[in-house]
Amino acid sequence: MVSELIEKVEQKQLKKNKPQFDIGDTVDVHVRIVEGEKERVQVFNGTVIARKGYGINETFTVRRIVNNEGVERIFPVHSPSVVKVAVKRSGYTRRSKLYFLRQRAGKAVRLREVWTGKSDKKNIK
């Protein structure tokens, strides 16, 4: 009973066009930043290493390397501060959480790219 009421209220807060991306994809997350009176959009690019939750509580984690230091940010999918999520390349993965990438550095962090050719099958490069 209570969850049905909560879902009805949350339904208005959900984004109509939810971004389409998977674990292992390299994405550009456009985030709205407010600094005093000014507002700007900042791009955070990296690899999606996790998705969790559902509905209004759904989040995804993006990891990138800056100055030889790993940086991870967790973004709510339905947040108004997330303007858009653009997929730059799709990575092939066999897991839903890519936490093992935290122990890797350099070229070992890269994932195999998934590309779709003219056939119906998923091709792995």
N, C-alpha and C. Protein backbone atom coordinates (compact mmCIF):
# COMPACT_ATOMS: atom_id res chain seq x y z
N MET A 1 0.82 -1.20 0.00
CA MET A 1 0.00 0.00 0.00
C MET A 1 0.86 1.26 0.00
N VAL A 2 1.79 1.32 0.94
CA VAL A 2 2.63 2.51 1.05
C VAL A 2 3.53 2.65 -0.18
N SER A 3 4.10 1.53 -0.65
CA SER A 3 5.00 1.61 -1.80
C SER A 3 4.26 2.06 -3.06
N GLU A 4 2.99 1.70 -3.20
CA GLU A 4 2.22 2.15 -4.36
C GLU A 4 2.03 3.66 -4.33
N LEU A 5 1.79 4.21 -3.15
CA LEU A 5 1.65 5.67 -3.03
C LEU A 5 2.97 6.37 -3.33
N ILE A 6 4.04 5.82 -2.82
CA ILE A 6 5.36 6.42 -3.06
C ILE A 6 5.70 6.37 -4.54
N GLU A 7 5.42 5.26 -5.20
CA GLU A 7 5.70 5.14 -6.63
C GLU A 7 4.91 6.14 -7.45
N LYS A 8 3.67 6.42 -7.07
CA LYS A 8 2.87 7.40 -7.80
C LYS A 8 3.46 8.80 -7.66
N VAL A 9 3.94 9.14 -6.47
CA VAL A 9 4.55 10.46 -6.25
C VAL A 9 5.88 10.56 -7.00
N GLU A 10 6.68 9.49 -6.97
CA GLU A 10 7.97 9.50 -7.64
C GLU A 10 7.84 9.51 -9.16
N GLN A 11 6.74 9.02 -9.68
CA GLN A 11 6.53 8.94 -11.12
C GLN A 11 6.66 10.31 -11.79
N LYS A 12 6.24 11.36 -11.10
CA LYS A 12 6.32 12.72 -11.65
C LYS A 12 7.77 13.21 -11.72
N GLN A 13 8.64 12.66 -10.86
CA GLN A 13 10.03 13.11 -10.78
C GLN A 13 10.94 12.40 -11.78
N LEU A 14 10.50 11.28 -12.34
CA LEU A 14 11.33 10.51 -13.25
C LEU A 14 11.49 11.23 -14.59
N LYS A 15 12.67 11.06 -15.21
CA LYS A 15 12.91 11.63 -16.54
C LYS A 15 12.12 10.85 -17.57
N LYS A 16 11.60 11.56 -18.55
CA LYS A 16 10.81 10.91 -19.61
C LYS A 16 11.71 10.09 -20.53
N ASN A 17 12.85 10.66 -20.93
CA ASN A 17 13.78 9.93 -21.81
C ASN A 17 15.04 9.60 -21.01
N LYS A 18 15.03 8.42 -20.40
CA LYS A 18 16.14 7.95 -19.59
C LYS A 18 17.33 7.65 -20.50
N PRO A 19 18.56 8.04 -20.12
CA PRO A 19 19.72 7.78 -20.97
C PRO A 19 19.97 6.28 -21.13
N GLN A 20 20.37 5.87 -22.33
CA GLN A 20 20.62 4.47 -22.64
C GLN A 20 22.13 4.21 -22.68
N PHE A 21 22.64 3.49 -21.70
CA PHE A 21 24.04 3.10 -21.67
C PHE A 21 24.17 1.85 -20.80
N ASP A 22 25.29 1.16 -20.94
CA ASP A 22 25.52 -0.09 -20.21
C ASP A 22 26.80 -0.01 -19.42
N ILE A 23 27.05 -1.03 -18.61
CA ILE A 23 28.29 -1.15 -17.86
C ILE A 23 29.43 -1.34 -18.87
N GLY A 24 30.54 -0.66 -18.64
CA GLY A 24 31.69 -0.77 -19.53
C GLY A 24 31.73 0.28 -20.62
N ASP A 25 30.66 1.03 -20.79
CA ASP A 25 30.64 2.09 -21.80
C ASP A 25 31.46 3.29 -21.33
N THR A 26 32.14 3.92 -22.27
CA THR A 26 32.82 5.18 -21.99
C THR A 26 31.84 6.29 -22.32
N VAL A 27 31.54 7.13 -21.33
CA VAL A 27 30.48 8.13 -21.48
C VAL A 27 30.98 9.52 -21.12
N ASP A 28 30.28 10.52 -21.66
CA ASP A 28 30.43 11.92 -21.25
C ASP A 28 29.17 12.28 -20.48
N VAL A 29 29.33 12.63 -19.20
CA VAL A 29 28.19 13.03 -18.38
C VAL A 29 28.21 14.54 -18.28
N HIS A 30 27.19 15.20 -18.80
CA HIS A 30 27.08 16.65 -18.76
C HIS A 30 26.33 17.02 -17.49
N VAL A 31 27.04 17.71 -16.57
CA VAL A 31 26.48 18.03 -15.25
C VAL A 31 26.31 19.54 -15.12
N ARG A 32 25.13 19.95 -14.66
CA ARG A 32 24.85 21.36 -14.44
C ARG A 32 25.46 21.77 -13.09
N ILE A 33 26.30 22.83 -13.11
CA ILE A 33 26.96 23.31 -11.90
C ILE A 33 26.51 24.75 -11.67
N VAL A 34 26.10 25.04 -10.43
CA VAL A 34 25.67 26.39 -10.07
C VAL A 34 26.74 27.00 -9.17
N GLU A 35 27.29 28.15 -9.61
CA GLU A 35 28.30 28.88 -8.83
C GLU A 35 27.77 30.28 -8.58
N GLY A 36 27.20 30.46 -7.42
CA GLY A 36 26.60 31.75 -7.10
C GLY A 36 25.40 32.02 -7.98
N GLU A 37 25.47 33.09 -8.77
CA GLU A 37 24.39 33.45 -9.69
C GLU A 37 24.51 32.72 -11.03
N LYS A 38 25.74 32.28 -11.35
CA LYS A 38 25.99 31.70 -12.66
C LYS A 38 25.72 30.20 -12.67
N GLU A 39 25.39 29.71 -13.86
CA GLU A 39 25.15 28.29 -14.06
C GLU A 39 25.88 27.86 -15.32
N ARG A 40 26.56 26.72 -15.23
CA ARG A 40 27.30 26.22 -16.39
C ARG A 40 27.20 24.71 -16.44
N VAL A 41 27.60 24.13 -17.57
CA VAL A 41 27.58 22.69 -17.74
C VAL A 41 29.02 22.19 -17.81
N GLN A 42 29.34 21.22 -16.97
CA GLN A 42 30.68 20.64 -16.93
C GLN A 42 30.59 19.19 -17.39
N VAL A 43 31.57 18.75 -18.16
CA VAL A 43 31.57 17.39 -18.70
C VAL A 43 32.51 16.53 -17.87
N PHE A 44 32.00 15.38 -17.41
CA PHE A 44 32.80 14.39 -16.70
C PHE A 44 32.80 13.14 -17.56
N ASN A 45 33.98 12.77 -18.10
CA ASN A 45 34.03 11.60 -18.97
C ASN A 45 34.78 10.47 -18.28
N GLY A 46 34.34 9.25 -18.54
CA GLY A 46 34.97 8.09 -17.94
C GLY A 46 34.22 6.82 -18.29
N THR A 47 34.56 5.74 -17.61
CA THR A 47 33.96 4.43 -17.85
C THR A 47 32.92 4.14 -16.79
N VAL A 48 31.77 3.66 -17.21
CA VAL A 48 30.72 3.27 -16.27
C VAL A 48 31.12 1.95 -15.65
N ILE A 49 31.34 1.94 -14.31
CA ILE A 49 31.77 0.70 -13.65
C ILE A 49 30.65 0.06 -12.84
N ALA A 50 29.54 0.78 -12.61
CA ALA A 50 28.45 0.17 -11.84
C ALA A 50 27.15 0.92 -12.08
N ARG A 51 26.05 0.18 -11.98
CA ARG A 51 24.69 0.74 -11.94
C ARG A 51 23.96 0.02 -10.83
N LYS A 52 23.16 0.75 -10.07
CA LYS A 52 22.39 0.08 -9.04
C LYS A 52 21.12 0.85 -8.75
N GLY A 53 20.19 0.18 -8.11
CA GLY A 53 18.92 0.79 -7.75
C GLY A 53 17.94 0.74 -8.90
N TYR A 54 16.73 1.25 -8.63
CA TYR A 54 15.70 1.35 -9.67
C TYR A 54 14.80 2.53 -9.32
N GLY A 55 14.06 2.97 -10.31
CA GLY A 55 13.16 4.10 -10.09
C GLY A 55 13.93 5.37 -9.82
N ILE A 56 13.45 6.15 -8.88
CA ILE A 56 14.06 7.44 -8.56
C ILE A 56 15.43 7.26 -7.90
N ASN A 57 15.69 6.09 -7.32
CA ASN A 57 16.94 5.83 -6.60
C ASN A 57 18.03 5.22 -7.48
N GLU A 58 17.83 5.14 -8.77
CA GLU A 58 18.81 4.52 -9.66
C GLU A 58 20.03 5.42 -9.82
N THR A 59 21.22 4.83 -9.66
CA THR A 59 22.47 5.59 -9.79
C THR A 59 23.45 4.81 -10.66
N PHE A 60 24.46 5.53 -11.15
CA PHE A 60 25.55 4.90 -11.89
C PHE A 60 26.85 5.55 -11.48
N THR A 61 27.93 4.76 -11.50
CA THR A 61 29.26 5.22 -11.09
C THR A 61 30.15 5.31 -12.31
N VAL A 62 30.83 6.45 -12.45
CA VAL A 62 31.75 6.68 -13.57
C VAL A 62 33.15 6.86 -13.01
N ARG A 63 34.13 6.18 -13.61
CA ARG A 63 35.51 6.25 -13.14
C ARG A 63 36.42 6.75 -14.26
N ARG A 64 37.36 7.59 -13.88
CA ARG A 64 38.38 8.04 -14.82
C ARG A 64 39.68 8.27 -14.07
N ILE A 65 40.77 8.42 -14.81
CA ILE A 65 42.08 8.65 -14.22
C ILE A 65 42.48 10.10 -14.48
N VAL A 66 42.82 10.83 -13.42
CA VAL A 66 43.27 12.22 -13.53
C VAL A 66 44.58 12.34 -12.75
N ASN A 67 45.65 12.75 -13.43
CA ASN A 67 46.97 12.90 -12.82
C ASN A 67 47.40 11.63 -12.08
N ASN A 68 47.25 10.49 -12.73
CA ASN A 68 47.60 9.18 -12.18
C ASN A 68 46.86 8.86 -10.89
N GLU A 69 45.70 9.43 -10.71
CA GLU A 69 44.84 9.19 -9.55
C GLU A 69 43.46 8.83 -10.05
N GLY A 70 42.88 7.76 -9.52
CA GLY A 70 41.55 7.35 -9.93
C GLY A 70 40.49 8.25 -9.30
N VAL A 71 39.53 8.70 -10.10
CA VAL A 71 38.43 9.55 -9.62
C VAL A 71 37.12 8.88 -10.01
N GLU A 72 36.26 8.68 -9.01
CA GLU A 72 34.94 8.10 -9.26
C GLU A 72 33.87 9.06 -8.80
N ARG A 73 32.81 9.16 -9.60
CA ARG A 73 31.65 9.97 -9.21
C ARG A 73 30.40 9.14 -9.39
N ILE A 74 29.48 9.30 -8.47
CA ILE A 74 28.21 8.60 -8.52
C ILE A 74 27.15 9.61 -8.91
N PHE A 75 26.40 9.30 -9.97
CA PHE A 75 25.37 10.19 -10.49
C PHE A 75 24.01 9.54 -10.37
N PRO A 76 22.99 10.25 -9.88
CA PRO A 76 21.63 9.74 -9.97
C PRO A 76 21.14 9.86 -11.42
N VAL A 77 20.52 8.82 -11.93
CA VAL A 77 20.06 8.82 -13.33
C VAL A 77 19.01 9.88 -13.57
N HIS A 78 18.10 10.06 -12.61
CA HIS A 78 16.96 10.96 -12.80
C HIS A 78 17.19 12.35 -12.19
N SER A 79 18.43 12.69 -11.87
CA SER A 79 18.73 13.99 -11.28
C SER A 79 18.58 15.12 -12.30
N PRO A 80 17.98 16.25 -11.91
CA PRO A 80 17.90 17.38 -12.84
C PRO A 80 19.26 18.01 -13.12
N SER A 81 20.27 17.74 -12.28
CA SER A 81 21.60 18.30 -12.52
C SER A 81 22.35 17.54 -13.62
N VAL A 82 21.94 16.31 -13.91
CA VAL A 82 22.54 15.56 -15.02
C VAL A 82 21.78 15.94 -16.28
N VAL A 83 22.43 16.75 -17.13
CA VAL A 83 21.77 17.26 -18.33
C VAL A 83 21.62 16.16 -19.37
N LYS A 84 22.75 15.46 -19.68
CA LYS A 84 22.68 14.36 -20.63
C LYS A 84 23.86 13.44 -20.43
N VAL A 85 23.71 12.22 -20.93
CA VAL A 85 24.77 11.22 -20.90
C VAL A 85 25.00 10.77 -22.33
N ALA A 86 26.19 11.05 -22.85
CA ALA A 86 26.52 10.70 -24.23
C ALA A 86 27.50 9.53 -24.23
N VAL A 87 27.16 8.46 -24.95
CA VAL A 87 28.02 7.29 -25.04
C VAL A 87 29.05 7.52 -26.13
N LYS A 88 30.34 7.43 -25.77
CA LYS A 88 31.42 7.63 -26.73
C LYS A 88 31.86 6.32 -27.35
N ARG A 89 31.93 5.26 -26.52
CA ARG A 89 32.27 3.94 -27.03
C ARG A 89 31.74 2.88 -26.09
N SER A 90 31.40 1.73 -26.64
CA SER A 90 30.84 0.64 -25.85
C SER A 90 31.91 -0.39 -25.58
N GLY A 91 32.00 -0.83 -24.33
CA GLY A 91 32.99 -1.83 -23.96
C GLY A 91 32.34 -3.17 -23.68
N TYR A 92 33.03 -4.24 -24.05
CA TYR A 92 32.53 -5.59 -23.81
C TYR A 92 32.91 -6.01 -22.41
N THR A 93 31.94 -6.47 -21.63
CA THR A 93 32.19 -6.92 -20.28
C THR A 93 31.31 -8.10 -19.94
N ARG A 94 31.77 -8.95 -19.02
CA ARG A 94 31.01 -10.11 -18.60
C ARG A 94 30.53 -9.96 -17.16
N ARG A 95 30.69 -8.77 -16.59
CA ARG A 95 30.29 -8.55 -15.22
C ARG A 95 29.41 -7.31 -15.11
N SER A 96 28.64 -7.24 -14.02
CA SER A 96 27.78 -6.08 -13.83
C SER A 96 28.45 -5.00 -13.00
N LYS A 97 29.48 -5.35 -12.25
CA LYS A 97 30.25 -4.37 -11.47
C LYS A 97 31.72 -4.53 -11.85
N LEU A 98 32.34 -3.45 -12.28
CA LEU A 98 33.72 -3.51 -12.76
C LEU A 98 34.70 -2.94 -11.73
N TYR A 99 34.52 -3.33 -10.47
CA TYR A 99 35.37 -2.81 -9.41
C TYR A 99 36.82 -3.28 -9.54
N PHE A 100 37.07 -4.34 -10.30
CA PHE A 100 38.43 -4.83 -10.50
C PHE A 100 39.28 -3.82 -11.25
N LEU A 101 38.66 -2.85 -11.95
CA LEU A 101 39.43 -1.83 -12.66
C LEU A 101 40.16 -0.89 -11.71
N ARG A 102 39.75 -0.87 -10.44
CA ARG A 102 40.41 0.00 -9.46
C ARG A 102 41.85 -0.41 -9.21
N GLN A 103 42.17 -1.69 -9.35
CA GLN A 103 43.53 -2.17 -9.12
C GLN A 103 44.38 -2.12 -10.38
N ARG A 104 43.80 -1.71 -11.49
CA ARG A 104 44.54 -1.70 -12.75
C ARG A 104 44.97 -0.29 -13.12
N ALA A 105 46.03 -0.20 -13.93
CA ALA A 105 46.54 1.10 -14.35
C ALA A 105 46.98 1.00 -15.81
N GLY A 106 47.03 2.13 -16.47
CA GLY A 106 47.52 2.19 -17.84
C GLY A 106 46.63 1.49 -18.84
N LYS A 107 47.24 0.71 -19.73
CA LYS A 107 46.49 0.04 -20.78
C LYS A 107 45.61 -1.09 -20.25
N ALA A 108 45.88 -1.57 -19.06
CA ALA A 108 45.10 -2.66 -18.48
C ALA A 108 43.68 -2.23 -18.13
N VAL A 109 43.44 -0.93 -18.08
CA VAL A 109 42.11 -0.42 -17.74
C VAL A 109 41.16 -0.49 -18.93
N ARG A 110 41.73 -0.54 -20.15
CA ARG A 110 40.89 -0.54 -21.34
C ARG A 110 40.08 -1.83 -21.46
N LEU A 111 38.87 -1.69 -22.00
CA LEU A 111 38.00 -2.83 -22.26
C LEU A 111 37.91 -3.04 -23.77
N ARG A 112 37.62 -4.29 -24.17
CA ARG A 112 37.43 -4.55 -25.60
C ARG A 112 36.20 -3.79 -26.07
N GLU A 113 36.27 -3.27 -27.28
CA GLU A 113 35.17 -2.47 -27.81
C GLU A 113 34.14 -3.35 -28.49
N VAL A 114 32.88 -3.02 -28.27
CA VAL A 114 31.78 -3.71 -28.93
C VAL A 114 31.33 -2.84 -30.08
N TRP A 115 31.22 -3.44 -31.26
CA TRP A 115 30.72 -2.69 -32.41
C TRP A 115 29.72 -3.56 -33.12
N THR A 116 28.74 -2.92 -33.68
CA THR A 116 27.74 -3.66 -34.42
C THR A 116 27.99 -3.46 -35.90
N GLY A 117 28.21 -4.55 -36.57
CA GLY A 117 28.44 -4.51 -38.01
C GLY A 117 27.11 -4.55 -38.75
N LYS A 118 27.15 -5.02 -39.98
CA LYS A 118 25.92 -5.09 -40.76
C LYS A 118 25.08 -6.31 -40.41
N SER A 119 25.70 -7.30 -39.74
CA SER A 119 24.94 -8.48 -39.36
C SER A 119 24.17 -8.19 -38.06
N ASP A 120 23.27 -9.10 -37.70
CA ASP A 120 22.45 -8.93 -36.50
C ASP A 120 23.20 -9.29 -35.23
N LYS A 121 24.28 -10.03 -35.33
CA LYS A 121 25.03 -10.47 -34.15
C LYS A 121 25.85 -9.32 -33.59
N LYS A 122 26.15 -9.41 -32.26
CA LYS A 122 27.07 -8.46 -31.65
C LYS A 122 28.48 -8.89 -32.01
N ASN A 123 29.24 -8.00 -32.56
CA ASN A 123 30.61 -8.31 -32.92
C ASN A 123 31.55 -7.77 -31.87
N ILE A 124 32.55 -8.54 -31.55
CA ILE A 124 33.52 -8.14 -30.54
C ILE A 124 34.86 -7.95 -31.22
N LYS A 125 35.42 -6.79 -31.01
CA LYS A 125 36.71 -6.49 -31.64
C LYS A 125 37.82 -6.93 -30.73
